[in-house]
Protein backbone atom coordinates (compact mmCIF):
# COMPACT_ATOMS: atom_id res chain seq x y z
CA MET A 1 17.92 -6.75 -0.96
CA THR A 2 19.93 -6.54 2.26
CA GLY A 3 19.50 -2.77 2.48
CA PHE A 4 15.88 -3.05 2.00
CA TYR A 5 15.41 -5.81 4.64
CA GLU A 6 17.57 -3.92 7.07
CA SER A 7 15.41 -0.85 6.84
CA VAL A 8 12.01 -2.70 7.33
CA ARG A 9 11.84 -2.45 11.10
CA TYR A 10 12.92 1.27 10.99
CA VAL A 11 10.34 2.39 8.37
CA ASN A 12 7.63 0.29 10.07
CA ASN A 13 8.18 1.96 13.27
CA LEU A 14 8.23 5.51 11.55
CA ALA A 15 4.80 4.62 10.13
CA GLU A 16 3.43 3.38 13.40
CA GLN A 17 4.40 6.69 15.01
CA HIS A 18 2.86 8.65 12.28
CA PRO A 19 -0.30 10.68 13.50
CA GLY A 20 -2.22 9.48 10.53
CA PHE A 21 -1.50 5.75 11.05
CA ILE A 22 -4.21 3.45 12.26
CA TRP A 23 -3.06 -0.30 11.72
CA ARG A 24 -0.97 -2.58 9.68
CA GLU A 25 -0.85 -6.26 9.16
CA LEU A 26 1.83 -7.83 11.35
CA ASN A 27 1.62 -11.48 10.22
CA GLU A 28 2.07 -11.18 6.49
CA ASP A 29 0.76 -14.21 4.52
CA GLN A 30 3.49 -15.01 2.04
CA THR A 31 1.73 -18.25 0.91
CA LEU A 32 -1.44 -16.43 -0.06
CA LEU A 33 0.54 -13.60 -1.54
CA ASP A 34 2.20 -16.27 -3.91
CA GLU A 35 -1.08 -17.78 -4.68
CA LEU A 36 -2.71 -14.54 -5.65
CA TRP A 37 0.20 -12.81 -7.41
CA GLY A 38 2.93 -15.36 -8.01
CA GLU A 39 6.18 -15.47 -6.47
CA GLY A 40 8.62 -12.60 -6.05
CA TYR A 41 6.16 -9.98 -4.50
CA LEU A 42 6.15 -8.19 -1.06
CA TYR A 43 3.37 -6.24 0.40
CA THR A 44 2.28 -3.94 3.27
CA LEU A 45 -1.32 -3.92 4.30
CA SER A 46 -2.01 -0.86 6.35
CA LEU A 47 -4.98 1.55 7.52
CA TRP A 48 -4.41 5.21 7.51
CA LYS A 49 -6.92 8.01 8.56
CA SER A 50 -6.91 9.63 5.05
CA PRO A 51 -5.01 9.34 1.64
CA GLU A 52 -3.45 12.58 2.63
CA ALA A 53 -2.01 11.10 5.78
CA LEU A 54 -0.67 8.31 3.82
CA LYS A 55 1.00 10.54 1.38
CA ASP A 56 2.51 12.64 4.24
CA PHE A 57 4.13 9.62 5.58
CA LEU A 58 5.23 8.32 2.07
CA TYR A 59 6.77 11.50 0.93
CA LYS A 60 7.51 13.68 3.95
CA THR A 61 9.28 11.44 6.27
CA PRO A 62 12.59 9.53 6.06
CA HIS A 63 10.43 6.62 4.22
CA ASN A 64 10.73 8.97 0.98
CA GLU A 65 14.53 8.31 0.89
CA PHE A 66 13.98 4.55 0.80
CA ARG A 67 11.10 4.93 -1.64
CA LYS A 68 13.49 6.61 -4.05
CA ARG A 69 15.92 3.81 -3.77
CA GLY A 70 13.33 1.21 -4.84
CA GLY A 71 14.94 0.73 -8.13
CA GLU A 72 18.00 -0.92 -6.19
CA TRP A 73 15.69 -3.44 -4.82
CA PHE A 74 12.76 -3.98 -7.16
CA ILE A 75 12.28 -4.58 -10.79
CA PRO A 76 9.93 -1.92 -12.69
CA ILE A 77 6.41 -2.72 -13.07
CA THR A 78 3.96 -0.90 -15.23
CA LYS A 79 0.85 -1.50 -13.23
CA PRO A 80 -0.21 0.39 -10.20
CA ARG A 81 1.76 -0.76 -7.06
CA VAL A 82 -0.59 0.74 -4.44
CA VAL A 83 -4.43 0.48 -4.20
CA LEU A 84 -6.59 2.43 -1.80
CA TRP A 85 -10.18 2.07 -0.85
CA TRP A 86 -12.58 3.24 1.77
CA VAL A 87 -13.33 0.86 4.71
CA ASP A 88 -15.91 1.04 7.29
CA GLU A 89 -14.88 1.91 10.87
CA GLY A 90 -13.93 -1.28 12.61
CA HIS A 91 -13.21 -3.29 9.48
CA THR A 92 -9.95 -5.06 9.19
CA PRO A 93 -8.96 -5.50 5.52
CA THR A 94 -7.40 -8.68 4.28
CA LEU A 95 -4.85 -9.65 1.56
CA SER A 96 -7.56 -11.20 -0.39
CA GLU A 97 -9.69 -8.08 -0.22
CA ALA A 98 -6.54 -5.89 -1.43
CA HIS A 99 -6.04 -8.35 -4.21
CA GLN A 100 -9.67 -7.81 -5.23
CA LYS A 101 -9.34 -4.17 -4.93
CA MET A 102 -6.07 -4.12 -7.06
CA GLN A 103 -7.84 -6.25 -9.94
CA ILE A 104 -10.72 -3.63 -9.88
CA LEU A 105 -8.16 -0.76 -10.24
CA TYR A 106 -6.42 -2.57 -13.13
CA GLU A 107 -9.46 -3.49 -14.82
CA LEU A 108 -11.68 -0.27 -14.43
CA GLY A 109 -9.06 2.42 -13.27
CA PRO A 110 -9.63 4.60 -10.44
CA SER A 111 -13.27 4.46 -9.09
CA HIS A 112 -15.10 4.66 -5.83
CA GLN A 113 -14.39 1.06 -5.28
CA ALA A 114 -10.43 1.13 -5.60
CA PHE A 115 -8.16 4.10 -6.53
CA ASP A 116 -4.46 4.93 -6.37
CA LEU A 117 -2.39 7.82 -4.79
CA LYS A 118 -2.62 9.87 -7.78
CA SER A 119 -6.50 9.76 -8.02
CA SER A 120 -7.13 10.06 -4.36
CA ALA A 121 -7.36 13.79 -4.45
CA LEU A 122 -9.91 13.74 -7.51
CA PRO A 123 -13.55 13.44 -7.01
CA ILE A 124 -14.17 9.73 -7.13
CA VAL A 125 -17.18 8.97 -9.59
CA ILE A 126 -19.56 6.12 -8.66
CA TYR A 127 -20.42 3.97 -11.64
């Protein structure tokens, strides 16, 4: 995990300089994360102007090289690892809210309430 942890500050700085970036949680709550998901997980909670802006950062900046190396640091999981949802202007999302949205994505699949990167370009159906 050394290579991963050594790159975190660099990648976070890249994100913060990206034109689509709005905000990210600085004080990650590992205790709450362990309570919600169990031990052994990491997270990033951030706000972006659009799914396209996030995709641009993820896949078209040096972040993509680190993303490709994820198999060196993390065990594979079969469920979605990223959840997106629309937030009202001025609202700051929480880790508990992210957990709730991830559960919706797991149980219902992509919807207006919660979706993933693959479904962000599709019409979102409200049901």
